[in-house]
Amino acid sequence: MDPSPPIPRLSRRRLLGTAAALGAGAATAGLTGCGSPTSISEDPRELVLWYWNRSVTPSLLAQAAEQIPGSQDRRLRADIIGGTFDTKLRTSLAGGAYIPDVTGINSNCSLYFLNEDQFLDFNELGGRELADQYYPWKVKLGTTPSGRHCFWPMDTGPTGLYYRADLFEEAGLPSDPEEVGAAATTWEDLIELGVELRRGGEGPALMGYGFFIFSQFLNASPERYFDEQDRPLYNQPDSAVRRAWDTAVMAMEAGVTGNRQTSTDQNAAWTSGDTAAHIEAAWWAEVLADTAPETSGSWRLASQPVNPGNSGGSFLAIPATCKDPEAAFAFATWLTSPENQTTAFNEIQLFPSTPSSFESGEMDGSGEFFGSQDQLTFFSDAAAEVPTTYVSSYEAQVSAFGSEIKNVETGKPAEQAWADAVDAANRTLRKRGVLL
């Protein structure tokens, strides 16, 4: 999450009215191309894409650089943006200058919901007719609370339980993926496996630290912090946030987390075997292979408790100032077609948001990192079971829960940390006018 100031709240009436005005005006004014004060490129035939490293397939960018398929003689200029991507994009949008014609948006697209008027609605460009090609839960994540589909599906992050089969076997635990999944159908079951794995403190930790459990519990839940009217849910006794919190605290109190709160410590523990498992998305397989290559063949994938979730995955958006919205739409839908998402997986391991990509038989899921286990089949099955959830425009304002659960692992009393998280979230939401 970038450190730039929160975007001011707009009323729903102003949002919708401004969106309609900008949506219509941008398509006309933007086509003038040269001389547009918002344009990065003065070439009226050239659309500019902002993206970050490994978020788009180079071979497909090369094709679009010649001509965007489906467009009228438009070509793409792809600018890779380093540093804090969101800060740079939001600064350009706020300043009304040097705005790309198409942009990548990470999984945190809800940061932009309050300023949805700055983006075009894919539904109005023809996206409604294509939406059924994508996982419904992914489409929902890119749809604003007002119902505008401003963020188009790219890759996804279905999750599962990564674990060291050799370490589980040494501890006398089930080590076959089916057996591990059957032994950990609930979070309580998984924590009990961690207790047995720990063997009184002599064995490895099950998970790196409690925050992972808290966040992945929520990532797999159909309920998060707010309902669809943006009313906070976390204060309810049986809310998903409270259950995620209590589960993480239970794991920490049972001693099955390793209090490894930095990426350096986490990577070292996965390499050494001091941490034996992790719940994360399909993309983490590559991170793990790069971080701990000597552990190849020892890792397996099992179903996580309850059901899979989604962690990460990105989107495309078309700013309202785009000089040619139809060409931008043609690029977005071409890039994310089932065929091209197959290419993206094979070349840079972006996990598809199009279920039919897995039916082509052309995706390459080979490799020996997980022994003979087929990770492609595992995660495609998981993606089909991810629940649809609602991410509020205000979720960024309740980050205190994540901060405070980390404090619990360093010694802060859990109930005090919870009370402080609730208080911080309520104060922030009152300032925003969400709470009275």
Foldseek 3Di string as FASTA:
>chain_A
DDPDDQDAFDDPVCQVVLLVVLLVVLQVVLQVQAPPQAAQDSPSQEFEEEDAPLPADPVLLVVQQCPQPPDDNHGYDYDYDDDDVVVVQVVSLVVSHPHGQKYKFKLVCLSCLSVLSQFHAVVVLPCVVVVVQFDPLQQQSQAHLVGGNFWAFFFWFKKFKKFFLVLCVVLVHDRDQVRVQVQAQALVSLLVSLLSSCVVPNHAAAEAALLQQLVQLQQQDQEDQADSVRDGDVPDPPGSNNVSLVSSLVSLVSVRHNLRPDPVSVLVCLQVVNHTMGMITPVCVVVNCVSRVVLAQRMATHGHHNAIGIDMGMTMGGTSNNSHVNSVSSNRCVCQPLVNSLVSCQRSNRHHRGLCVVVPPSRDQDDRRNHPDRVNVVRSVRSNTRHRHHDHSCPVLQCLSSVLSSVVSVPDDSVVSVVVSVVSSVVSCVVSVNHD
